[in-house]
Amino acid sequence: QRILDSEEKKSAELMAISCQLQSEMAQLIAKNEMALRTHRRARNRSIDARHQHRTEMALRDEISEIENAIRTERLKANKFRSSLSVLHVDSPYPPHLTQSR
């Protein structure tokens, strides 16, 4: 009977240890999943930030090109206007299109 009681006690202890280990494993899995989600969010934010930066740089380049084209056209218009004034002819363009700011 004592051997049986001893075996039952050992069995109960092993069951308790098994339950404890399963609980710890479940907690570790949950922590790992949270860390993985956090890592994915951070990676996605980083990808979004890089994409946004590239987009901003492309827009800045486009704005620069447009500003340069405007400057070039204003210079052409001013030269044309000055050549007309030498000929004493009024410019066909409204003044706001040919004035430099």
PDB file of N, CA and C in Angstrom:
ATOM      1  N   GLN A   1       0.833  -1.205   0.000  1.00  0.00           N
ATOM      2  CA  GLN A   1       0.000   0.000   0.000  1.00  0.00           C
ATOM      3  C   GLN A   1       0.872   1.260   0.000  1.00  0.00           C
ATOM      4  N   ARG A   2       1.958   1.201   0.833  1.00  0.00           N
ATOM      5  CA  ARG A   2       2.848   2.365   0.874  1.00  0.00           C
ATOM      6  C   ARG A   2       3.495   2.610  -0.496  1.00  0.00           C
ATOM      7  N   ILE A   3       3.852   1.539  -1.189  1.00  0.00           N
ATOM      8  CA  ILE A   3       4.460   1.669  -2.519  1.00  0.00           C
ATOM      9  C   ILE A   3       3.454   2.309  -3.472  1.00  0.00           C
ATOM     10  N   LEU A   4       2.206   1.860  -3.366  1.00  0.00           N
ATOM     11  CA  LEU A   4       1.147   2.414  -4.201  1.00  0.00           C
ATOM     12  C   LEU A   4       0.958   3.895  -3.902  1.00  0.00           C
ATOM     13  N   ASP A   5       0.920   4.261  -2.607  1.00  0.00           N
ATOM     14  CA  ASP A   5       0.780   5.673  -2.219  1.00  0.00           C
ATOM     15  C   ASP A   5       1.956   6.492  -2.747  1.00  0.00           C
ATOM     16  N   SER A   6       3.168   5.925  -2.641  1.00  0.00           N
ATOM     17  CA  SER A   6       4.374   6.606  -3.098  1.00  0.00           C
ATOM     18  C   SER A   6       4.331   6.820  -4.609  1.00  0.00           C
ATOM     19  N   GLU A   7       3.872   5.796  -5.327  1.00  0.00           N
ATOM     20  CA  GLU A   7       3.758   5.899  -6.791  1.00  0.00           C
ATOM     21  C   GLU A   7       2.710   6.937  -7.181  1.00  0.00           C
ATOM     22  N   GLU A   8       1.580   6.944  -6.448  1.00  0.00           N
ATOM     23  CA  GLU A   8       0.533   7.934  -6.732  1.00  0.00           C
ATOM     24  C   GLU A   8       1.047   9.352  -6.463  1.00  0.00           C
ATOM     25  N   LYS A   9       1.822   9.489  -5.376  1.00  0.00           N
ATOM     26  CA  LYS A   9       2.386  10.811  -5.035  1.00  0.00           C
ATOM     27  C   LYS A   9       3.345  11.277  -6.133  1.00  0.00           C
ATOM     28  N   LYS A  10       4.224  10.350  -6.593  1.00  0.00           N
ATOM     29  CA  LYS A  10       5.160  10.691  -7.665  1.00  0.00           C
ATOM     30  C   LYS A  10       4.397  11.050  -8.942  1.00  0.00           C
ATOM     31  N   SER A  11       3.362  10.279  -9.221  1.00  0.00           N
ATOM     32  CA  SER A  11       2.553  10.525 -10.411  1.00  0.00           C
ATOM     33  C   SER A  11       1.889  11.900 -10.325  1.00  0.00           C
ATOM     34  N   ALA A  12       1.376  12.247  -9.149  1.00  0.00           N
ATOM     35  CA  ALA A  12       0.730  13.543  -8.958  1.00  0.00           C
ATOM     36  C   ALA A  12       1.755  14.666  -9.107  1.00  0.00           C
ATOM     37  N   GLU A  13       2.951  14.459  -8.567  1.00  0.00           N
ATOM     38  CA  GLU A  13       4.015  15.472  -8.687  1.00  0.00           C
ATOM     39  C   GLU A  13       4.405  15.665 -10.157  1.00  0.00           C
ATOM     40  N   LEU A  14       4.519  14.546 -10.874  1.00  0.00           N
ATOM     41  CA  LEU A  14       4.871  14.643 -12.295  1.00  0.00           C
ATOM     42  C   LEU A  14       3.768  15.354 -13.083  1.00  0.00           C
ATOM     43  N   MET A  15       2.519  15.073 -12.720  1.00  0.00           N
ATOM     44  CA  MET A  15       1.398  15.754 -13.390  1.00  0.00           C
ATOM     45  C   MET A  15       1.459  17.265 -13.124  1.00  0.00           C
ATOM     46  N   ALA A  16       1.771  17.628 -11.872  1.00  0.00           N
ATOM     47  CA  ALA A  16       1.859  19.046 -11.507  1.00  0.00           C
ATOM     48  C   ALA A  16       2.989  19.720 -12.293  1.00  0.00           C
ATOM     49  N   ILE A  17       4.139  19.018 -12.353  1.00  0.00           N
ATOM     50  CA  ILE A  17       5.280  19.566 -13.107  1.00  0.00           C
ATOM     51  C   ILE A  17       4.904  19.705 -14.586  1.00  0.00           C
ATOM     52  N   SER A  18       4.233  18.709 -15.131  1.00  0.00           N
ATOM     53  CA  SER A  18       3.808  18.733 -16.523  1.00  0.00           C
ATOM     54  C   SER A  18       2.866  19.913 -16.787  1.00  0.00           C
ATOM     55  N   CYS A  19       1.919  20.124 -15.879  1.00  0.00           N
ATOM     56  CA  CYS A  19       0.970  21.253 -16.019  1.00  0.00           C
ATOM     57  C   CYS A  19       1.725  22.576 -15.966  1.00  0.00           C
ATOM     58  N   GLN A  20       2.681  22.676 -15.025  1.00  0.00           N
ATOM     59  CA  GLN A  20       3.476  23.899 -14.875  1.00  0.00           C
ATOM     60  C   GLN A  20       4.264  24.178 -16.173  1.00  0.00           C
ATOM     61  N   LEU A  21       4.892  23.143 -16.720  1.00  0.00           N
ATOM     62  CA  LEU A  21       5.674  23.299 -17.945  1.00  0.00           C
ATOM     63  C   LEU A  21       4.785  23.698 -19.127  1.00  0.00           C
ATOM     64  N   GLN A  22       3.592  23.089 -19.206  1.00  0.00           N
ATOM     65  CA  GLN A  22       2.668  23.449 -20.287  1.00  0.00           C
ATOM     66  C   GLN A  22       2.247  24.916 -20.175  1.00  0.00           C
ATOM     67  N   SER A  23       2.004  25.359 -18.919  1.00  0.00           N
ATOM     68  CA  SER A  23       1.610  26.746 -18.693  1.00  0.00           C
ATOM     69  C   SER A  23       2.739  27.695 -19.096  1.00  0.00           C
ATOM     70  N   GLU A  24       3.980  27.372 -18.693  1.00  0.00           N
ATOM     71  CA  GLU A  24       5.129  28.214 -19.048  1.00  0.00           C
ATOM     72  C   GLU A  24       5.344  28.232 -20.560  1.00  0.00           C
ATOM     73  N   MET A  25       5.152  27.076 -21.195  1.00  0.00           N
ATOM     74  CA  MET A  25       5.321  27.009 -22.643  1.00  0.00           C
ATOM     75  C   MET A  25       4.268  27.877 -23.341  1.00  0.00           C
ATOM     76  N   ALA A  26       3.042  27.822 -22.861  1.00  0.00           N
ATOM     77  CA  ALA A  26       1.977  28.648 -23.452  1.00  0.00           C
ATOM     78  C   ALA A  26       2.314  30.136 -23.293  1.00  0.00           C
ATOM     79  N   GLN A  27       2.851  30.524 -22.117  1.00  0.00           N
ATOM     80  CA  GLN A  27       3.236  31.926 -21.905  1.00  0.00           C
ATOM     81  C   GLN A  27       4.368  32.331 -22.854  1.00  0.00           C
ATOM     82  N   LEU A  28       5.347  31.453 -23.019  1.00  0.00           N
ATOM     83  CA  LEU A  28       6.462  31.753 -23.925  1.00  0.00           C
ATOM     84  C   LEU A  28       5.983  31.885 -25.367  1.00  0.00           C
ATOM     85  N   ILE A  29       5.068  31.016 -25.771  1.00  0.00           N
ATOM     86  CA  ILE A  29       4.523  31.099 -27.132  1.00  0.00           C
ATOM     87  C   ILE A  29       3.788  32.433 -27.314  1.00  0.00           C
ATOM     88  N   ALA A  30       2.998  32.830 -26.316  1.00  0.00           N
ATOM     89  CA  ALA A  30       2.258  34.096 -26.397  1.00  0.00           C
ATOM     90  C   ALA A  30       3.229  35.277 -26.484  1.00  0.00           C
ATOM     91  N   LYS A  31       4.292  35.254 -25.644  1.00  0.00           N
ATOM     92  CA  LYS A  31       5.286  36.333 -25.688  1.00  0.00           C
ATOM     93  C   LYS A  31       5.977  36.380 -27.043  1.00  0.00           C
ATOM     94  N   ASN A  32       6.296  35.214 -27.569  1.00  0.00           N
ATOM     95  CA  ASN A  32       6.954  35.135 -28.869  1.00  0.00           C
ATOM     96  C   ASN A  32       6.058  35.708 -29.965  1.00  0.00           C
ATOM     97  N   GLU A  33       4.770  35.374 -29.932  1.00  0.00           N
ATOM     98  CA  GLU A  33       3.832  35.898 -30.928  1.00  0.00           C
ATOM     99  C   GLU A  33       3.712  37.420 -30.826  1.00  0.00           C
ATOM    100  N   MET A  34       3.689  37.945 -29.584  1.00  0.00           N
ATOM    101  CA  MET A  34       3.619  39.401 -29.404  1.00  0.00           C
ATOM    102  C   MET A  34       4.876  40.064 -29.962  1.00  0.00           C
ATOM    103  N   ALA A  35       6.040  39.470 -29.656  1.00  0.00           N
ATOM    104  CA  ALA A  35       7.298  40.029 -30.155  1.00  0.00           C
ATOM    105  C   ALA A  35       7.332  40.008 -31.679  1.00  0.00           C
ATOM    106  N   LEU A  36       6.824  38.939 -32.261  1.00  0.00           N
ATOM    107  CA  LEU A  36       6.792  38.813 -33.718  1.00  0.00           C
ATOM    108  C   LEU A  36       5.878  39.882 -34.329  1.00  0.00           C
ATOM    109  N   ARG A  37       4.710  40.097 -33.713  1.00  0.00           N
ATOM    110  CA  ARG A  37       3.796  41.141 -34.212  1.00  0.00           C
ATOM    111  C   ARG A  37       4.453  42.516 -34.109  1.00  0.00           C
ATOM    112  N   THR A  38       5.117  42.775 -32.970  1.00  0.00           N
ATOM    113  CA  THR A  38       5.796  44.063 -32.780  1.00  0.00           C
ATOM    114  C   THR A  38       6.872  44.252 -33.844  1.00  0.00           C
ATOM    115  N   HIS A  39       7.637  43.190 -34.082  1.00  0.00           N
ATOM    116  CA  HIS A  39       8.698  43.256 -35.087  1.00  0.00           C
ATOM    117  C   HIS A  39       8.114  43.533 -36.474  1.00  0.00           C
ATOM    118  N   ARG A  40       7.019  42.848 -36.814  1.00  0.00           N
ATOM    119  CA  ARG A  40       6.386  43.056 -38.126  1.00  0.00           C
ATOM    120  C   ARG A  40       5.881  44.480 -38.282  1.00  0.00           C
ATOM    121  N   ARG A  41       5.257  45.004 -37.196  1.00  0.00           N
ATOM    122  CA  ARG A  41       4.761  46.384 -37.256  1.00  0.00           C
ATOM    123  C   ARG A  41       5.917  47.355 -37.471  1.00  0.00           C
ATOM    124  N   ALA A  42       7.011  47.146 -36.742  1.00  0.00           N
ATOM    125  CA  ALA A  42       8.180  48.022 -36.876  1.00  0.00           C
ATOM    126  C   ALA A  42       8.758  47.936 -38.288  1.00  0.00           C
ATOM    127  N   ARG A  43       8.838  46.707 -38.815  1.00  0.00           N
ATOM    128  CA  ARG A  43       9.364  46.525 -40.168  1.00  0.00           C
ATOM    129  C   ARG A  43       8.457  47.226 -41.179  1.00  0.00           C
ATOM    130  N   ASN A  44       7.143  47.082 -41.015  1.00  0.00           N
ATOM    131  CA  ASN A  44       6.199  47.726 -41.936  1.00  0.00           C
ATOM    132  C   ASN A  44       6.287  49.248 -41.856  1.00  0.00           C
ATOM    133  N   ARG A  45       6.448  49.780 -40.625  1.00  0.00           N
ATOM    134  CA  ARG A  45       6.604  51.229 -40.484  1.00  0.00           C
ATOM    135  C   ARG A  45       7.867  51.689 -41.195  1.00  0.00           C
ATOM    136  N   SER A  46       8.928  50.897 -41.074  1.00  0.00           N
ATOM    137  CA  SER A  46      10.190  51.238 -41.725  1.00  0.00           C
ATOM    138  C   SER A  46      10.022  51.238 -43.247  1.00  0.00           C
ATOM    139  N   ILE A  47       9.342  50.232 -43.767  1.00  0.00           N
ATOM    140  CA  ILE A  47       9.084  50.150 -45.213  1.00  0.00           C
ATOM    141  C   ILE A  47       8.230  51.341 -45.646  1.00  0.00           C
ATOM    142  N   ASP A  48       7.189  51.658 -44.851  1.00  0.00           N
ATOM    143  CA  ASP A  48       6.325  52.802 -45.175  1.00  0.00           C
ATOM    144  C   ASP A  48       7.124  54.096 -45.177  1.00  0.00           C
ATOM    145  N   ALA A  49       8.003  54.253 -44.184  1.00  0.00           N
ATOM    146  CA  ALA A  49       8.807  55.482 -44.084  1.00  0.00           C
ATOM    147  C   ALA A  49       9.739  55.610 -45.293  1.00  0.00           C
ATOM    148  N   ARG A  50      10.361  54.494 -45.684  1.00  0.00           N
ATOM    149  CA  ARG A  50      11.254  54.543 -46.859  1.00  0.00           C
ATOM    150  C   ARG A  50      10.460  54.896 -48.111  1.00  0.00           C
ATOM    151  N   HIS A  51       9.269  54.298 -48.253  1.00  0.00           N
ATOM    152  CA  HIS A  51       8.425  54.576 -49.420  1.00  0.00           C
ATOM    153  C   HIS A  51       8.006  56.054 -49.430  1.00  0.00           C
ATOM    154  N   GLN A  52       7.621  56.555 -48.246  1.00  0.00           N
ATOM    155  CA  GLN A  52       7.198  57.955 -48.145  1.00  0.00           C
ATOM    156  C   GLN A  52       8.366  58.880 -48.497  1.00  0.00           C
ATOM    157  N   HIS A  53       9.569  58.533 -48.015  1.00  0.00           N
ATOM    158  CA  HIS A  53      10.742  59.353 -48.299  1.00  0.00           C
ATOM    159  C   HIS A  53      11.006  59.388 -49.806  1.00  0.00           C
ATOM    160  N   ARG A  54      10.944  58.205 -50.456  1.00  0.00           N
ATOM    161  CA  ARG A  54      11.161  58.131 -51.905  1.00  0.00           C
ATOM    162  C   ARG A  54      10.124  58.978 -52.642  1.00  0.00           C
ATOM    163  N   THR A  55       8.867  58.893 -52.199  1.00  0.00           N
ATOM    164  CA  THR A  55       7.793  59.661 -52.825  1.00  0.00           C
ATOM    165  C   THR A  55       8.059  61.162 -52.672  1.00  0.00           C
ATOM    166  N   GLU A  56       8.448  61.573 -51.440  1.00  0.00           N
ATOM    167  CA  GLU A  56       8.735  62.993 -51.197  1.00  0.00           C
ATOM    168  C   GLU A  56       9.887  63.471 -52.069  1.00  0.00           C
ATOM    169  N   MET A  57      10.932  62.652 -52.188  1.00  0.00           N
ATOM    170  CA  MET A  57      12.082  63.046 -53.006  1.00  0.00           C
ATOM    171  C   MET A  57      11.671  63.172 -54.478  1.00  0.00           C
ATOM    172  N   ALA A  58      10.856  62.236 -54.955  1.00  0.00           N
ATOM    173  CA  ALA A  58      10.395  62.291 -56.341  1.00  0.00           C
ATOM    174  C   ALA A  58       9.564  63.560 -56.568  1.00  0.00           C
ATOM    175  N   LEU A  59       8.707  63.892 -55.599  1.00  0.00           N
ATOM    176  CA  LEU A  59       7.887  65.104 -55.728  1.00  0.00           C
ATOM    177  C   LEU A  59       8.756  66.358 -55.717  1.00  0.00           C
ATOM    178  N   ARG A  60       9.782  66.372 -54.852  1.00  0.00           N
ATOM    179  CA  ARG A  60      10.697  67.528 -54.820  1.00  0.00           C
ATOM    180  C   ARG A  60      11.398  67.692 -56.165  1.00  0.00           C
ATOM    181  N   ASP A  61      11.837  66.565 -56.733  1.00  0.00           N
ATOM    182  CA  ASP A  61      12.499  66.624 -58.048  1.00  0.00           C
ATOM    183  C   ASP A  61      11.543  67.184 -59.100  1.00  0.00           C
ATOM    184  N   GLU A  62      10.296  66.697 -59.065  1.00  0.00           N
ATOM    185  CA  GLU A  62       9.305  67.175 -60.027  1.00  0.00           C
ATOM    186  C   GLU A  62       9.054  68.672 -59.861  1.00  0.00           C
ATOM    187  N   ILE A  63       8.941  69.123 -58.602  1.00  0.00           N
ATOM    188  CA  ILE A  63       8.715  70.550 -58.325  1.00  0.00           C
ATOM    189  C   ILE A  63       9.890  71.369 -58.847  1.00  0.00           C
ATOM    190  N   SER A  64      11.119  70.883 -58.618  1.00  0.00           N
ATOM    191  CA  SER A  64      12.306  71.595 -59.112  1.00  0.00           C
ATOM    192  C   SER A  64      12.286  71.716 -60.628  1.00  0.00           C
ATOM    193  N   GLU A  65      11.930  70.622 -61.307  1.00  0.00           N
ATOM    194  CA  GLU A  65      11.861  70.656 -62.771  1.00  0.00           C
ATOM    195  C   GLU A  65      10.833  71.683 -63.241  1.00  0.00           C
ATOM    196  N   ILE A  66       9.675  71.700 -62.575  1.00  0.00           N
ATOM    197  CA  ILE A  66       8.611  72.643 -62.963  1.00  0.00           C
ATOM    198  C   ILE A  66       9.078  74.081 -62.712  1.00  0.00           C
ATOM    199  N   GLU A  67       9.724  74.317 -61.543  1.00  0.00           N
ATOM    200  CA  GLU A  67      10.215  75.667 -61.234  1.00  0.00           C
ATOM    201  C   GLU A  67      11.253  76.111 -62.257  1.00  0.00           C
ATOM    202  N   ASN A  68      12.141  75.192 -62.654  1.00  0.00           N
ATOM    203  CA  ASN A  68      13.150  75.524 -63.669  1.00  0.00           C
ATOM    204  C   ASN A  68      12.493  75.849 -65.006  1.00  0.00           C
ATOM    205  N   ALA A  69      11.481  75.065 -65.379  1.00  0.00           N
ATOM    206  CA  ALA A  69      10.773  75.321 -66.634  1.00  0.00           C
ATOM    207  C   ALA A  69      10.090  76.687 -66.594  1.00  0.00           C
ATOM    208  N   ILE A  70       9.504  77.022 -65.439  1.00  0.00           N
ATOM    209  CA  ILE A  70       8.837  78.330 -65.300  1.00  0.00           C
ATOM    210  C   ILE A  70       9.864  79.452 -65.455  1.00  0.00           C
ATOM    211  N   ARG A  71      11.020  79.309 -64.778  1.00  0.00           N
ATOM    212  CA  ARG A  71      12.081  80.321 -64.891  1.00  0.00           C
ATOM    213  C   ARG A  71      12.516  80.492 -66.352  1.00  0.00           C
ATOM    214  N   THR A  72      12.719  79.363 -67.025  1.00  0.00           N
ATOM    215  CA  THR A  72      13.145  79.402 -68.432  1.00  0.00           C
ATOM    216  C   THR A  72      12.119  80.119 -69.297  1.00  0.00           C
ATOM    217  N   GLU A  73      10.845  79.784 -69.093  1.00  0.00           N
ATOM    218  CA  GLU A  73       9.789  80.414 -69.890  1.00  0.00           C
ATOM    219  C   GLU A  73       9.682  81.906 -69.582  1.00  0.00           C
ATOM    220  N   ARG A  74       9.881  82.286 -68.318  1.00  0.00           N
ATOM    221  CA  ARG A  74       9.840  83.720 -67.971  1.00  0.00           C
ATOM    222  C   ARG A  74      10.982  84.472 -68.652  1.00  0.00           C
ATOM    223  N   LEU A  75      12.171  83.830 -68.648  1.00  0.00           N
ATOM    224  CA  LEU A  75      13.312  84.471 -69.314  1.00  0.00           C
ATOM    225  C   LEU A  75      13.032  84.658 -70.801  1.00  0.00           C
ATOM    226  N   LYS A  76      12.484  83.609 -71.435  1.00  0.00           N
ATOM    227  CA  LYS A  76      12.149  83.699 -72.864  1.00  0.00           C
ATOM    228  C   LYS A  76      11.135  84.821 -73.095  1.00  0.00           C
ATOM    229  N   ALA A  77      10.114  84.876 -72.225  1.00  0.00           N
ATOM    230  CA  ALA A  77       9.063  85.897 -72.380  1.00  0.00           C
ATOM    231  C   ALA A  77       9.648  87.290 -72.191  1.00  0.00           C
ATOM    232  N   ASN A  78      10.551  87.447 -71.214  1.00  0.00           N
ATOM    233  CA  ASN A  78      11.172  88.763 -70.978  1.00  0.00           C
ATOM    234  C   ASN A  78      12.036  89.175 -72.163  1.00  0.00           C
ATOM    235  N   LYS A  79      12.781  88.211 -72.722  1.00  0.00           N
ATOM    236  CA  LYS A  79      13.607  88.526 -73.907  1.00  0.00           C
ATOM    237  C   LYS A  79      12.713  88.930 -75.074  1.00  0.00           C
ATOM    238  N   PHE A  80      11.627  88.187 -75.243  1.00  0.00           N
ATOM    239  CA  PHE A  80      10.698  88.491 -76.327  1.00  0.00           C
ATOM    240  C   PHE A  80      10.090  89.877 -76.128  1.00  0.00           C
ATOM    241  N   ARG A  81       9.695  90.174 -74.878  1.00  0.00           N
ATOM    242  CA  ARG A  81       9.093  91.469 -74.588  1.00  0.00           C
ATOM    243  C   ARG A  81      10.100  92.595 -74.837  1.00  0.00           C
ATOM    244  N   SER A  82      11.356  92.369 -74.416  1.00  0.00           N
ATOM    245  CA  SER A  82      12.350  93.430 -74.624  1.00  0.00           C
ATOM    246  C   SER A  82      12.646  93.610 -76.109  1.00  0.00           C
ATOM    247  N   SER A  83      12.621  92.511 -76.881  1.00  0.00           N
ATOM    248  CA  SER A  83      12.833  92.669 -78.333  1.00  0.00           C
ATOM    249  C   SER A  83      11.657  93.415 -78.960  1.00  0.00           C
ATOM    250  N   LEU A  84      10.454  93.218 -78.441  1.00  0.00           N
ATOM    251  CA  LEU A  84       9.292  93.962 -78.947  1.00  0.00           C
ATOM    252  C   LEU A  84       9.385  95.439 -78.581  1.00  0.00           C
ATOM    253  N   SER A  85       9.890  95.708 -77.355  1.00  0.00           N
ATOM    254  CA  SER A  85       9.964  97.115 -76.948  1.00  0.00           C
ATOM    255  C   SER A  85      11.017  97.854 -77.773  1.00  0.00           C
ATOM    256  N   VAL A  86      12.069  97.132 -78.200  1.00  0.00           N
ATOM    257  CA  VAL A  86      13.065  97.745 -79.096  1.00  0.00           C
ATOM    258  C   VAL A  86      12.392  98.114 -80.418  1.00  0.00           C
ATOM    259  N   LEU A  87      11.473  97.251 -80.843  1.00  0.00           N
ATOM    260  CA  LEU A  87      10.740  97.510 -82.086  1.00  0.00           C
ATOM    261  C   LEU A  87       9.537  98.426 -81.858  1.00  0.00           C
ATOM    262  N   HIS A  88       9.349  98.865 -80.599  1.00  0.00           N
ATOM    263  CA  HIS A  88       8.217  99.727 -80.219  1.00  0.00           C
ATOM    264  C   HIS A  88       6.877  99.072 -80.531  1.00  0.00           C
ATOM    265  N   VAL A  89       6.784  97.764 -80.190  1.00  0.00           N
ATOM    266  CA  VAL A  89       5.529  97.021 -80.374  1.00  0.00           C
ATOM    267  C   VAL A  89       5.083  96.560 -78.985  1.00  0.00           C
ATOM    268  N   ASP A  90       3.792  96.640 -78.717  1.00  0.00           N
ATOM    269  CA  ASP A  90       3.294  96.164 -77.423  1.00  0.00           C
ATOM    270  C   ASP A  90       3.333  94.643 -77.386  1.00  0.00           C
ATOM    271  N   SER A  91       3.640  94.086 -76.208  1.00  0.00           N
ATOM    272  CA  SER A  91       3.707  92.637 -76.043  1.00  0.00           C
ATOM    273  C   SER A  91       2.323  92.020 -76.177  1.00  0.00           C
ATOM    274  N   PRO A  92       2.224  90.896 -76.895  1.00  0.00           N
ATOM    275  CA  PRO A  92       0.920  90.223 -76.995  1.00  0.00           C
ATOM    276  C   PRO A  92       0.557  89.485 -75.701  1.00  0.00           C
ATOM    277  N   TYR A  93       1.533  89.350 -74.786  1.00  0.00           N
ATOM    278  CA  TYR A  93       1.275  88.616 -73.541  1.00  0.00           C
ATOM    279  C   TYR A  93       0.841  89.562 -72.440  1.00  0.00           C
ATOM    280  N   PRO A  94      -0.084  89.133 -71.596  1.00  0.00           N
ATOM    281  CA  PRO A  94      -0.433  89.958 -70.420  1.00  0.00           C
ATOM    282  C   PRO A  94       0.807  90.116 -69.534  1.00  0.00           C
ATOM    283  N   PRO A  95       0.968  91.256 -68.876  1.00  0.00           N
ATOM    284  CA  PRO A  95       2.176  91.512 -68.072  1.00  0.00           C
ATOM    285  C   PRO A  95       2.448  90.452 -67.008  1.00  0.00           C
ATOM    286  N   HIS A  96       1.407  89.859 -66.396  1.00  0.00           N
ATOM    287  CA  HIS A  96       1.648  88.905 -65.309  1.00  0.00           C
ATOM    288  C   HIS A  96       2.338  87.634 -65.807  1.00  0.00           C
ATOM    289  N   LEU A  97       2.286  87.363 -67.113  1.00  0.00           N
ATOM    290  CA  LEU A  97       2.951  86.160 -67.630  1.00  0.00           C
ATOM    291  C   LEU A  97       4.432  86.412 -67.896  1.00  0.00           C
ATOM    292  N   THR A  98       4.819  87.672 -68.029  1.00  0.00           N
ATOM    293  CA  THR A  98       6.194  87.942 -68.416  1.00  0.00           C
ATOM    294  C   THR A  98       7.006  88.571 -67.277  1.00  0.00           C
ATOM    295  N   GLN A  99       6.345  88.988 -66.232  1.00  0.00           N
ATOM    296  CA  GLN A  99       7.089  89.608 -65.127  1.00  0.00           C
ATOM    297  C   GLN A  99       7.760  88.552 -64.271  1.00  0.00           C
ATOM    298  N   SER A 100       9.013  88.796 -63.921  1.00  0.00           N
ATOM    299  CA  SER A 100       9.700  87.907 -62.978  1.00  0.00           C
ATOM    300  C   SER A 100       9.311  88.296 -61.576  1.00  0.00           C
ATOM    301  N   ARG A 101       9.195  87.291 -60.748  1.00  0.00           N
ATOM    302  CA  ARG A 101       8.801  87.584 -59.352  1.00  0.00           C
ATOM    303  C   ARG A 101      10.046  87.699 -58.509  1.00  0.00           C
TER     304      ARG A 101
END
